[in-house]
Amino acid sequence: MPPKKKTKKTTKKKPENSENDLEAKYRRSILDVAILQDHIAFQCESVKKVQSDRVDLRRRVRDTEQKLQRERQDHRDVNSDLSRQCKTMQTELGSKVKRLEEEVGQLKEELVLCQEELRKEKREREQVEREKDTTIADLQHKLDNMERDYEKILHETLDSLTSQLSVARQGWEDKSTTLHQNYKELLSEFGLNAQHI
């Protein structure tokens, strides 16, 4: 736009007006710089918080994995201990059966004199074998129950962790969306387009 012709009176006021305009632009620029610095500081804090949350989440995942590993090791230790106990009991019962068989051999040598005693020993031996079978069945049942319990605990822990991660992710996405919307509104209040920044 071409400059208008001004009178002397207007010419005298022009330097003051341009100084005022310049000063107003300078103040606006300072305000814009301060707002942008606040915006950058807030963005930096947000990034630090997100990074801190990410580190915390990784630490929690690592702790959960270590806990799971310890539970697996405990499960293996319990299985190993039960197997050892079962073998020990089998050995003891085997020794007892062997001893009873030796007693049966002695009883056979004294068959004429000890027929009644022999029948009594046979009944005892059958009882021991039934107890052995019952004990083995009970231990196997307990072992199966413990295996199911550990699997249930493992699945529940993994399901809980997955649910917690999903809730945390949804919260972060909601916060991020809210923050972005707030910044867009702030920028539009200052006449700035968020897509051009």
N, C-alpha and C. Protein backbone atom coordinates (compact mmCIF):
# COMPACT_ATOMS: atom_id res chain seq x y z
N MET A 1 0.84 -1.17 0.00
CA MET A 1 0.00 0.00 0.00
C MET A 1 0.88 1.23 0.00
N PRO A 2 0.71 2.19 -0.94
CA PRO A 2 1.58 3.36 -0.99
C PRO A 2 1.33 4.26 0.21
N PRO A 3 2.40 4.90 0.70
CA PRO A 3 2.22 5.78 1.86
C PRO A 3 1.38 7.00 1.49
N LYS A 4 0.56 7.42 2.45
CA LYS A 4 -0.28 8.60 2.25
C LYS A 4 0.53 9.85 2.50
N LYS A 5 0.11 10.90 1.83
CA LYS A 5 0.76 12.19 2.06
C LYS A 5 0.32 12.70 3.40
N LYS A 6 1.25 13.17 4.16
CA LYS A 6 0.93 13.59 5.52
C LYS A 6 1.28 15.05 5.66
N THR A 7 0.59 15.65 6.51
CA THR A 7 0.87 17.07 6.82
C THR A 7 2.01 17.11 7.79
N LYS A 8 2.46 18.33 8.07
CA LYS A 8 3.58 18.50 9.00
C LYS A 8 3.21 17.99 10.38
N LYS A 9 1.97 18.26 10.75
CA LYS A 9 1.52 17.83 12.06
C LYS A 9 1.61 16.30 12.17
N THR A 10 1.17 15.57 11.12
CA THR A 10 1.20 14.12 11.11
C THR A 10 2.64 13.63 11.05
N THR A 11 3.48 14.29 10.32
CA THR A 11 4.87 13.89 10.17
C THR A 11 5.58 13.93 11.52
N LYS A 12 5.24 14.85 12.34
CA LYS A 12 5.88 14.95 13.66
C LYS A 12 5.48 13.78 14.55
N LYS A 13 4.25 13.29 14.40
CA LYS A 13 3.80 12.18 15.25
C LYS A 13 4.25 10.83 14.73
N LYS A 14 4.65 10.73 13.46
CA LYS A 14 5.02 9.46 12.85
C LYS A 14 6.16 8.76 13.58
N PRO A 15 7.24 9.43 13.94
CA PRO A 15 8.30 8.72 14.66
C PRO A 15 7.80 8.15 15.99
N GLU A 16 6.92 8.89 16.66
CA GLU A 16 6.42 8.37 17.93
C GLU A 16 5.56 7.12 17.70
N ASN A 17 4.72 7.19 16.63
CA ASN A 17 3.87 6.03 16.32
C ASN A 17 4.72 4.82 15.95
N SER A 18 5.72 5.03 15.11
CA SER A 18 6.54 3.90 14.72
C SER A 18 7.35 3.38 15.90
N GLU A 19 7.74 4.27 16.81
CA GLU A 19 8.42 3.81 18.02
C GLU A 19 7.47 2.99 18.89
N ASN A 20 6.22 3.48 18.98
CA ASN A 20 5.21 2.75 19.76
C ASN A 20 4.93 1.39 19.12
N ASP A 21 4.79 1.37 17.76
CA ASP A 21 4.56 0.11 17.05
C ASP A 21 5.73 -0.84 17.26
N LEU A 22 6.92 -0.28 17.14
CA LEU A 22 8.12 -1.09 17.31
C LEU A 22 8.19 -1.65 18.73
N GLU A 23 7.86 -0.81 19.68
CA GLU A 23 7.90 -1.25 21.09
C GLU A 23 6.83 -2.31 21.35
N ALA A 24 5.63 -2.10 20.74
CA ALA A 24 4.55 -3.09 20.90
C ALA A 24 4.95 -4.43 20.28
N LYS A 25 5.56 -4.37 19.08
CA LYS A 25 6.03 -5.59 18.43
C LYS A 25 7.10 -6.26 19.28
N TYR A 26 8.00 -5.43 19.85
CA TYR A 26 9.06 -5.98 20.70
C TYR A 26 8.47 -6.68 21.92
N ARG A 27 7.49 -6.03 22.57
CA ARG A 27 6.83 -6.65 23.74
C ARG A 27 6.12 -7.95 23.35
N ARG A 28 5.41 -7.93 22.21
CA ARG A 28 4.73 -9.12 21.73
C ARG A 28 5.74 -10.24 21.44
N SER A 29 6.87 -9.86 20.84
CA SER A 29 7.91 -10.85 20.56
C SER A 29 8.45 -11.46 21.85
N ILE A 30 8.68 -10.60 22.85
CA ILE A 30 9.16 -11.10 24.16
C ILE A 30 8.12 -12.05 24.77
N LEU A 31 6.84 -11.65 24.67
CA LEU A 31 5.77 -12.50 25.20
C LEU A 31 5.71 -13.84 24.46
N ASP A 32 5.83 -13.77 23.11
CA ASP A 32 5.83 -15.01 22.30
C ASP A 32 7.00 -15.90 22.68
N VAL A 33 8.19 -15.29 22.85
CA VAL A 33 9.37 -16.06 23.22
C VAL A 33 9.17 -16.71 24.59
N ALA A 34 8.60 -15.96 25.53
CA ALA A 34 8.36 -16.51 26.88
C ALA A 34 7.37 -17.67 26.82
N ILE A 35 6.32 -17.49 26.01
CA ILE A 35 5.32 -18.57 25.89
C ILE A 35 5.95 -19.81 25.27
N LEU A 36 6.75 -19.59 24.21
CA LEU A 36 7.40 -20.74 23.57
C LEU A 36 8.39 -21.42 24.52
N GLN A 37 9.09 -20.61 25.32
CA GLN A 37 10.03 -21.21 26.29
C GLN A 37 9.27 -22.04 27.33
N ASP A 38 8.12 -21.51 27.79
CA ASP A 38 7.29 -22.27 28.73
C ASP A 38 6.79 -23.56 28.08
N HIS A 39 6.37 -23.42 26.82
CA HIS A 39 5.90 -24.60 26.08
C HIS A 39 7.01 -25.65 25.96
N ILE A 40 8.20 -25.20 25.61
CA ILE A 40 9.34 -26.13 25.47
C ILE A 40 9.67 -26.77 26.82
N ALA A 41 9.66 -25.95 27.89
CA ALA A 41 9.95 -26.50 29.23
C ALA A 41 8.91 -27.55 29.61
N PHE A 42 7.64 -27.25 29.31
CA PHE A 42 6.58 -28.20 29.64
C PHE A 42 6.74 -29.48 28.83
N GLN A 43 7.07 -29.33 27.54
CA GLN A 43 7.31 -30.51 26.69
C GLN A 43 8.46 -31.35 27.24
N CYS A 44 9.53 -30.68 27.67
CA CYS A 44 10.69 -31.40 28.23
C CYS A 44 10.29 -32.17 29.48
N GLU A 45 9.48 -31.52 30.34
CA GLU A 45 9.02 -32.21 31.56
C GLU A 45 8.16 -33.41 31.19
N SER A 46 7.29 -33.22 30.18
CA SER A 46 6.43 -34.33 29.76
C SER A 46 7.26 -35.49 29.23
N VAL A 47 8.27 -35.15 28.42
CA VAL A 47 9.14 -36.21 27.87
C VAL A 47 9.88 -36.92 28.99
N LYS A 48 10.38 -36.14 29.98
CA LYS A 48 11.09 -36.77 31.11
C LYS A 48 10.15 -37.69 31.88
N LYS A 49 8.90 -37.24 32.08
CA LYS A 49 7.95 -38.07 32.82
C LYS A 49 7.66 -39.36 32.06
N VAL A 50 7.44 -39.23 30.74
CA VAL A 50 7.17 -40.43 29.92
C VAL A 50 8.36 -41.38 29.96
N GLN A 51 9.58 -40.81 29.87
CA GLN A 51 10.77 -41.68 29.92
C GLN A 51 10.89 -42.35 31.29
N SER A 52 10.58 -41.57 32.34
CA SER A 52 10.64 -42.15 33.69
C SER A 52 9.61 -43.26 33.84
N ASP A 53 8.39 -43.02 33.31
CA ASP A 53 7.35 -44.04 33.37
C ASP A 53 7.76 -45.27 32.58
N ARG A 54 8.40 -45.06 31.44
CA ARG A 54 8.84 -46.19 30.62
C ARG A 54 9.89 -47.02 31.37
N VAL A 55 10.85 -46.31 32.00
CA VAL A 55 11.88 -47.02 32.77
C VAL A 55 11.23 -47.79 33.92
N ASP A 56 10.25 -47.13 34.58
CA ASP A 56 9.57 -47.79 35.70
C ASP A 56 8.80 -49.02 35.21
N LEU A 57 8.14 -48.90 34.08
CA LEU A 57 7.40 -50.03 33.54
C LEU A 57 8.34 -51.17 33.16
N ARG A 58 9.47 -50.83 32.54
CA ARG A 58 10.45 -51.88 32.21
C ARG A 58 10.97 -52.57 33.47
N ARG A 59 11.20 -51.76 34.51
CA ARG A 59 11.68 -52.35 35.77
C ARG A 59 10.62 -53.29 36.35
N ARG A 60 9.35 -52.87 36.30
CA ARG A 60 8.29 -53.71 36.82
C ARG A 60 8.16 -55.01 36.02
N VAL A 61 8.28 -54.89 34.69
CA VAL A 61 8.23 -56.11 33.84
C VAL A 61 9.38 -57.03 34.19
N ARG A 62 10.60 -56.44 34.36
CA ARG A 62 11.77 -57.25 34.70
C ARG A 62 11.57 -57.93 36.06
N ASP A 63 11.02 -57.16 37.04
CA ASP A 63 10.78 -57.74 38.37
C ASP A 63 9.76 -58.88 38.28
N THR A 64 8.72 -58.68 37.47
CA THR A 64 7.71 -59.73 37.32
C THR A 64 8.31 -60.97 36.66
N GLU A 65 9.17 -60.75 35.67
CA GLU A 65 9.82 -61.89 35.02
C GLU A 65 10.73 -62.64 36.00
N GLN A 66 11.43 -61.86 36.84
CA GLN A 66 12.29 -62.51 37.84
C GLN A 66 11.45 -63.29 38.85
N LYS A 67 10.31 -62.69 39.24
CA LYS A 67 9.42 -63.39 40.18
C LYS A 67 8.90 -64.68 39.56
N LEU A 68 8.51 -64.58 38.28
CA LEU A 68 8.03 -65.76 37.57
C LEU A 68 9.12 -66.82 37.49
N GLN A 69 10.35 -66.38 37.21
CA GLN A 69 11.47 -67.33 37.13
C GLN A 69 11.69 -68.01 38.48
N ARG A 70 11.60 -67.17 39.58
CA ARG A 70 11.76 -67.77 40.92
C ARG A 70 10.66 -68.77 41.21
N GLU A 71 9.42 -68.45 40.80
CA GLU A 71 8.31 -69.39 41.03
C GLU A 71 8.51 -70.67 40.24
N ARG A 72 9.01 -70.52 39.02
CA ARG A 72 9.29 -71.73 38.23
C ARG A 72 10.37 -72.58 38.90
N GLN A 73 11.41 -71.89 39.40
CA GLN A 73 12.49 -72.62 40.08
C GLN A 73 11.95 -73.30 41.33
N ASP A 74 11.10 -72.58 42.10
CA ASP A 74 10.48 -73.19 43.28
C ASP A 74 9.66 -74.42 42.89
N HIS A 75 8.92 -74.30 41.79
CA HIS A 75 8.12 -75.43 41.31
C HIS A 75 9.03 -76.62 40.97
N ARG A 76 10.13 -76.32 40.28
CA ARG A 76 11.07 -77.41 39.95
C ARG A 76 11.67 -78.02 41.22
N ASP A 77 12.00 -77.15 42.19
CA ASP A 77 12.57 -77.64 43.45
C ASP A 77 11.58 -78.54 44.19
N VAL A 78 10.30 -78.11 44.21
CA VAL A 78 9.28 -78.92 44.90
C VAL A 78 9.12 -80.27 44.19
N ASN A 79 9.06 -80.21 42.85
CA ASN A 79 8.95 -81.47 42.09
C ASN A 79 10.13 -82.39 42.35
N SER A 80 11.32 -81.79 42.38
CA SER A 80 12.52 -82.57 42.62
C SER A 80 12.49 -83.20 44.02
N ASP A 81 12.06 -82.37 45.00
CA ASP A 81 12.01 -82.87 46.37
C ASP A 81 10.98 -84.00 46.50
N LEU A 82 9.82 -83.81 45.88
CA LEU A 82 8.80 -84.87 45.94
C LEU A 82 9.28 -86.15 45.25
N SER A 83 9.96 -85.98 44.12
CA SER A 83 10.51 -87.15 43.43
C SER A 83 11.53 -87.88 44.31
N ARG A 84 12.38 -87.07 44.97
CA ARG A 84 13.38 -87.67 45.85
C ARG A 84 12.71 -88.42 47.00
N GLN A 85 11.68 -87.76 47.61
CA GLN A 85 10.97 -88.42 48.70
C GLN A 85 10.29 -89.71 48.23
N CYS A 86 9.72 -89.64 47.03
CA CYS A 86 9.05 -90.83 46.50
C CYS A 86 10.05 -91.97 46.28
N LYS A 87 11.22 -91.62 45.72
CA LYS A 87 12.24 -92.64 45.50
C LYS A 87 12.74 -93.21 46.82
N THR A 88 12.91 -92.31 47.82
CA THR A 88 13.35 -92.77 49.14
C THR A 88 12.34 -93.73 49.73
N MET A 89 11.05 -93.35 49.63
CA MET A 89 10.01 -94.23 50.17
C MET A 89 9.96 -95.55 49.41
N GLN A 90 10.13 -95.48 48.08
CA GLN A 90 10.14 -96.71 47.31
C GLN A 90 11.31 -97.60 47.72
N THR A 91 12.47 -96.97 47.94
CA THR A 91 13.63 -97.75 48.38
C THR A 91 13.36 -98.38 49.74
N GLU A 92 12.80 -97.56 50.64
CA GLU A 92 12.50 -98.09 51.98
C GLU A 92 11.48 -99.21 51.91
N LEU A 93 10.44 -98.99 51.09
CA LEU A 93 9.43 -100.03 50.97
C LEU A 93 10.02 -101.27 50.28
N GLY A 94 10.90 -101.02 49.29
CA GLY A 94 11.56 -102.16 48.64
C GLY A 94 12.40 -102.95 49.63
N SER A 95 13.10 -102.21 50.51
CA SER A 95 13.90 -102.89 51.54
C SER A 95 13.01 -103.68 52.48
N LYS A 96 11.88 -103.05 52.82
CA LYS A 96 10.97 -103.75 53.73
C LYS A 96 10.42 -105.01 53.07
N VAL A 97 10.04 -104.89 51.78
CA VAL A 97 9.53 -106.06 51.06
C VAL A 97 10.60 -107.14 50.98
N LYS A 98 11.83 -106.72 50.72
CA LYS A 98 12.92 -107.71 50.64
C LYS A 98 13.11 -108.43 51.98
N ARG A 99 13.04 -107.61 53.05
CA ARG A 99 13.18 -108.20 54.38
C ARG A 99 12.06 -109.19 54.65
N LEU A 100 10.83 -108.80 54.24
CA LEU A 100 9.70 -109.70 54.44
C LEU A 100 9.86 -110.99 53.63
N GLU A 101 10.42 -110.84 52.43
CA GLU A 101 10.64 -112.04 51.63
C GLU A 101 11.67 -112.96 52.28
N GLU A 102 12.67 -112.35 52.89
CA GLU A 102 13.64 -113.19 53.61
C GLU A 102 12.99 -113.90 54.79
N GLU A 103 12.09 -113.15 55.44
CA GLU A 103 11.38 -113.78 56.56
C GLU A 103 10.49 -114.93 56.05
N VAL A 104 9.91 -114.71 54.87
CA VAL A 104 9.08 -115.77 54.28
C VAL A 104 9.95 -117.00 54.00
N GLY A 105 11.18 -116.75 53.48
CA GLY A 105 12.08 -117.87 53.23
C GLY A 105 12.38 -118.65 54.51
N GLN A 106 12.60 -117.90 55.61
CA GLN A 106 12.84 -118.57 56.89
C GLN A 106 11.61 -119.34 57.34
N LEU A 107 10.45 -118.72 57.12
CA LEU A 107 9.22 -119.39 57.53
C LEU A 107 8.98 -120.67 56.74
N LYS A 108 9.38 -120.65 55.46
CA LYS A 108 9.21 -121.87 54.67
C LYS A 108 10.07 -123.00 55.22
N GLU A 109 11.25 -122.66 55.70
CA GLU A 109 12.11 -123.70 56.30
C GLU A 109 11.48 -124.27 57.57
N GLU A 110 10.69 -123.41 58.24
CA GLU A 110 10.04 -123.88 59.47
C GLU A 110 8.56 -124.15 59.23
N LEU A 111 8.25 -124.53 58.01
CA LEU A 111 6.86 -124.67 57.58
C LEU A 111 6.07 -125.65 58.48
N VAL A 112 6.69 -126.76 58.79
CA VAL A 112 5.97 -127.79 59.56
C VAL A 112 5.59 -127.24 60.94
N LEU A 113 6.53 -126.49 61.53
CA LEU A 113 6.30 -126.01 62.90
C LEU A 113 5.51 -124.68 62.91
N CYS A 114 5.63 -123.90 61.83
CA CYS A 114 5.11 -122.50 61.90
C CYS A 114 4.14 -122.17 60.78
N GLN A 115 3.25 -123.07 60.42
CA GLN A 115 2.33 -122.78 59.31
C GLN A 115 1.45 -121.56 59.60
N GLU A 116 0.96 -121.44 60.78
CA GLU A 116 0.10 -120.32 61.14
C GLU A 116 0.89 -119.01 61.11
N GLU A 117 2.12 -119.05 61.58
CA GLU A 117 2.96 -117.83 61.57
C GLU A 117 3.23 -117.37 60.14
N LEU A 118 3.37 -118.34 59.24
CA LEU A 118 3.62 -117.99 57.84
C LEU A 118 2.43 -117.25 57.23
N ARG A 119 1.22 -117.72 57.48
CA ARG A 119 0.04 -117.05 56.95
C ARG A 119 -0.07 -115.62 57.49
N LYS A 120 0.30 -115.44 58.74
CA LYS A 120 0.26 -114.10 59.36
C LYS A 120 1.23 -113.16 58.64
N GLU A 121 2.43 -113.62 58.35
CA GLU A 121 3.43 -112.80 57.66
C GLU A 121 2.98 -112.44 56.25
N LYS A 122 2.31 -113.39 55.58
CA LYS A 122 1.81 -113.09 54.24
C LYS A 122 0.77 -111.98 54.28
N ARG A 123 -0.10 -112.05 55.27
CA ARG A 123 -1.11 -110.99 55.41
C ARG A 123 -0.43 -109.63 55.67
N GLU A 124 0.58 -109.61 56.50
CA GLU A 124 1.30 -108.35 56.77
C GLU A 124 1.96 -107.81 55.49
N ARG A 125 2.54 -108.72 54.73
CA ARG A 125 3.20 -108.28 53.50
C ARG A 125 2.20 -107.68 52.51
N GLU A 126 1.03 -108.28 52.38
CA GLU A 126 0.01 -107.73 51.50
C GLU A 126 -0.46 -106.35 51.97
N GLN A 127 -0.56 -106.21 53.30
CA GLN A 127 -0.96 -104.92 53.85
C GLN A 127 0.08 -103.84 53.51
N VAL A 128 1.36 -104.20 53.65
CA VAL A 128 2.44 -103.24 53.35
C VAL A 128 2.38 -102.82 51.88
N GLU A 129 2.15 -103.78 51.01
CA GLU A 129 2.08 -103.45 49.58
C GLU A 129 0.89 -102.56 49.27
N ARG A 130 -0.23 -102.84 49.92
CA ARG A 130 -1.39 -101.96 49.73
C ARG A 130 -1.08 -100.54 50.23
N GLU A 131 -0.44 -100.45 51.38
CA GLU A 131 -0.08 -99.13 51.90
C GLU A 131 0.90 -98.42 50.95
N LYS A 132 1.83 -99.20 50.42
CA LYS A 132 2.78 -98.62 49.47
C LYS A 132 2.05 -98.07 48.25
N ASP A 133 1.14 -98.86 47.70
CA ASP A 133 0.38 -98.41 46.53
C ASP A 133 -0.48 -97.19 46.87
N THR A 134 -1.09 -97.21 48.06
CA THR A 134 -1.91 -96.07 48.48
C THR A 134 -1.05 -94.82 48.65
N THR A 135 0.11 -94.99 49.27
CA THR A 135 1.03 -93.86 49.47
C THR A 135 1.50 -93.30 48.14
N ILE A 136 1.86 -94.17 47.23
CA ILE A 136 2.32 -93.71 45.90
C ILE A 136 1.18 -92.98 45.19
N ALA A 137 -0.04 -93.52 45.27
CA ALA A 137 -1.18 -92.88 44.61
C ALA A 137 -1.45 -91.51 45.24
N ASP A 138 -1.37 -91.44 46.59
CA ASP A 138 -1.58 -90.16 47.27
C ASP A 138 -0.52 -89.13 46.86
N LEU A 139 0.73 -89.56 46.83
CA LEU A 139 1.80 -88.63 46.43
C LEU A 139 1.61 -88.17 44.99
N GLN A 140 1.21 -89.09 44.11
CA GLN A 140 0.99 -88.70 42.71
C GLN A 140 -0.17 -87.71 42.62
N HIS A 141 -1.21 -87.94 43.41
CA HIS A 141 -2.36 -87.02 43.42
C HIS A 141 -1.93 -85.63 43.92
N LYS A 142 -1.14 -85.60 45.00
CA LYS A 142 -0.64 -84.32 45.52
C LYS A 142 0.23 -83.62 44.49
N LEU A 143 1.08 -84.36 43.84
CA LEU A 143 1.95 -83.79 42.81
C LEU A 143 1.13 -83.18 41.68
N ASP A 144 0.09 -83.90 41.24
CA ASP A 144 -0.78 -83.38 40.17
C ASP A 144 -1.49 -82.12 40.61
N ASN A 145 -1.99 -82.10 41.86
CA ASN A 145 -2.67 -80.91 42.39
C ASN A 145 -1.73 -79.71 42.43
N MET A 146 -0.51 -79.94 42.90
CA MET A 146 0.46 -78.84 42.98
C MET A 146 0.79 -78.31 41.59
N GLU A 147 0.89 -79.18 40.63
CA GLU A 147 1.18 -78.77 39.25
C GLU A 147 0.06 -77.88 38.72
N ARG A 148 -1.19 -78.29 38.97
CA ARG A 148 -2.33 -77.48 38.53
C ARG A 148 -2.33 -76.13 39.23
N ASP A 149 -2.04 -76.12 40.55
CA ASP A 149 -2.02 -74.86 41.30
C ASP A 149 -0.97 -73.91 40.76
N TYR A 150 0.22 -74.42 40.48
CA TYR A 150 1.27 -73.54 39.96
C TYR A 150 0.91 -73.01 38.58
N GLU A 151 0.28 -73.83 37.74
CA GLU A 151 -0.13 -73.35 36.43
C GLU A 151 -1.19 -72.27 36.56
N LYS A 152 -2.11 -72.46 37.50
CA LYS A 152 -3.16 -71.45 37.73
C LYS A 152 -2.54 -70.13 38.19
N ILE A 153 -1.61 -70.21 39.14
CA ILE A 153 -0.93 -69.00 39.64
C ILE A 153 -0.19 -68.31 38.50
N LEU A 154 0.49 -69.06 37.69
CA LEU A 154 1.24 -68.49 36.56
C LEU A 154 0.30 -67.78 35.60
N HIS A 155 -0.82 -68.43 35.25
CA HIS A 155 -1.76 -67.81 34.31
C HIS A 155 -2.38 -66.55 34.92
N GLU A 156 -2.74 -66.62 36.21
CA GLU A 156 -3.34 -65.45 36.86
C GLU A 156 -2.36 -64.29 36.89
N THR A 157 -1.08 -64.57 37.18
CA THR A 157 -0.07 -63.52 37.22
C THR A 157 0.11 -62.88 35.86
N LEU A 158 0.19 -63.70 34.82
CA LEU A 158 0.35 -63.16 33.47
C LEU A 158 -0.88 -62.37 33.04
N ASP A 159 -2.09 -62.87 33.35
CA ASP A 159 -3.31 -62.14 33.01
C ASP A 159 -3.36 -60.80 33.73
N SER A 160 -2.99 -60.80 35.02
CA SER A 160 -2.98 -59.55 35.80
C SER A 160 -1.99 -58.56 35.21
N LEU A 161 -0.81 -59.03 34.85
CA LEU A 161 0.21 -58.14 34.27
C LEU A 161 -0.28 -57.56 32.95
N THR A 162 -0.89 -58.40 32.10
CA THR A 162 -1.40 -57.91 30.82
C THR A 162 -2.48 -56.86 31.04
N SER A 163 -3.38 -57.11 32.00
CA SER A 163 -4.44 -56.14 32.29
C SER A 163 -3.86 -54.83 32.79
N GLN A 164 -2.86 -54.89 33.69
CA GLN A 164 -2.24 -53.67 34.22
C GLN A 164 -1.54 -52.89 33.12
N LEU A 165 -0.86 -53.60 32.22
CA LEU A 165 -0.18 -52.92 31.11
C LEU A 165 -1.20 -52.23 30.20
N SER A 166 -2.33 -52.89 29.94
CA SER A 166 -3.36 -52.31 29.08
C SER A 166 -3.95 -51.05 29.71
N VAL A 167 -4.24 -51.11 31.02
CA VAL A 167 -4.78 -49.94 31.72
C VAL A 167 -3.78 -48.80 31.71
N ALA A 168 -2.50 -49.10 31.98
CA ALA A 168 -1.47 -48.06 31.98
C ALA A 168 -1.34 -47.43 30.61
N ARG A 169 -1.35 -48.24 29.54
CA ARG A 169 -1.23 -47.71 28.19
C ARG A 169 -2.41 -46.81 27.85
N GLN A 170 -3.62 -47.22 28.24
CA GLN A 170 -4.81 -46.40 27.96
C GLN A 170 -4.71 -45.07 28.70
N GLY A 171 -4.23 -45.09 29.95
CA GLY A 171 -4.07 -43.86 30.73
C GLY A 171 -3.07 -42.92 30.07
N TRP A 172 -1.96 -43.47 29.60
CA TRP A 172 -0.95 -42.63 28.95
C TRP A 172 -1.50 -42.03 27.65
N GLU A 173 -2.25 -42.83 26.89
CA GLU A 173 -2.82 -42.32 25.65
C GLU A 173 -3.83 -41.21 25.93
N ASP A 174 -4.66 -41.40 26.97
CA ASP A 174 -5.63 -40.36 27.33
C ASP A 174 -4.93 -39.08 27.76
N LYS A 175 -3.90 -39.20 28.60
CA LYS A 175 -3.14 -38.02 29.04
C LYS A 175 -2.50 -37.33 27.85
N SER A 176 -1.91 -38.10 26.96
CA SER A 176 -1.24 -37.53 25.80
C SER A 176 -2.24 -36.79 24.92
N THR A 177 -3.42 -37.38 24.68
CA THR A 177 -4.44 -36.73 23.86
C THR A 177 -4.90 -35.43 24.51
N THR A 178 -5.12 -35.45 25.83
CA THR A 178 -5.54 -34.25 26.54
C THR A 178 -4.48 -33.16 26.45
N LEU A 179 -3.22 -33.52 26.65
CA LEU A 179 -2.13 -32.55 26.57
C LEU A 179 -2.04 -31.96 25.18
N HIS A 180 -2.12 -32.77 24.16
CA HIS A 180 -2.04 -32.27 22.79
C HIS A 180 -3.20 -31.32 22.49
N GLN A 181 -4.39 -31.67 22.96
CA GLN A 181 -5.55 -30.81 22.72
C GLN A 181 -5.38 -29.48 23.44
N ASN A 182 -4.84 -29.51 24.67
CA ASN A 182 -4.61 -28.27 25.43
C ASN A 182 -3.59 -27.39 24.71
N TYR A 183 -2.54 -27.98 24.21
CA TYR A 183 -1.53 -27.19 23.50
C TYR A 183 -2.09 -26.61 22.22
N LYS A 184 -2.91 -27.38 21.51
CA LYS A 184 -3.52 -26.85 20.29
C LYS A 184 -4.41 -25.66 20.62
N GLU A 185 -5.18 -25.78 21.69
CA GLU A 185 -6.04 -24.67 22.09
C GLU A 185 -5.24 -23.46 22.50
N LEU A 186 -4.16 -23.67 23.25
CA LEU A 186 -3.30 -22.54 23.64
C LEU A 186 -2.68 -21.89 22.42
N LEU A 187 -2.20 -22.67 21.50
CA LEU A 187 -1.59 -22.11 20.30
C LEU A 187 -2.62 -21.36 19.47
N SER A 188 -3.85 -21.92 19.38
CA SER A 188 -4.87 -21.22 18.59
C SER A 188 -5.29 -19.93 19.28
N GLU A 189 -5.22 -19.86 20.61
CA GLU A 189 -5.50 -18.60 21.31
C GLU A 189 -4.48 -17.53 20.97
N PHE A 190 -3.26 -17.93 20.70
CA PHE A 190 -2.23 -16.96 20.32
C PHE A 190 -2.13 -16.80 18.80
N GLY A 191 -3.09 -17.36 18.11
CA GLY A 191 -3.13 -17.17 16.67
C GLY A 191 -2.14 -18.06 15.92
N LEU A 192 -1.69 -19.14 16.56
CA LEU A 192 -0.73 -20.02 15.90
C LEU A 192 -1.43 -21.30 15.49
N ASN A 193 -0.99 -21.84 14.36
CA ASN A 193 -1.54 -23.10 13.87
C ASN A 193 -0.58 -24.21 14.29
N ALA A 194 -1.11 -25.20 15.01
CA ALA A 194 -0.26 -26.27 15.54
C ALA A 194 0.40 -27.07 14.44
N GLN A 195 -0.19 -27.14 13.26
CA GLN A 195 0.37 -27.93 12.17
C GLN A 195 1.58 -27.26 11.53
N HIS A 196 1.70 -25.94 11.71
CA HIS A 196 2.82 -25.22 11.13
C HIS A 196 4.02 -25.13 12.06
N ILE A 197 3.88 -25.65 13.28
CA ILE A 197 5.00 -25.56 14.25
C ILE A 197 5.77 -26.85 14.26
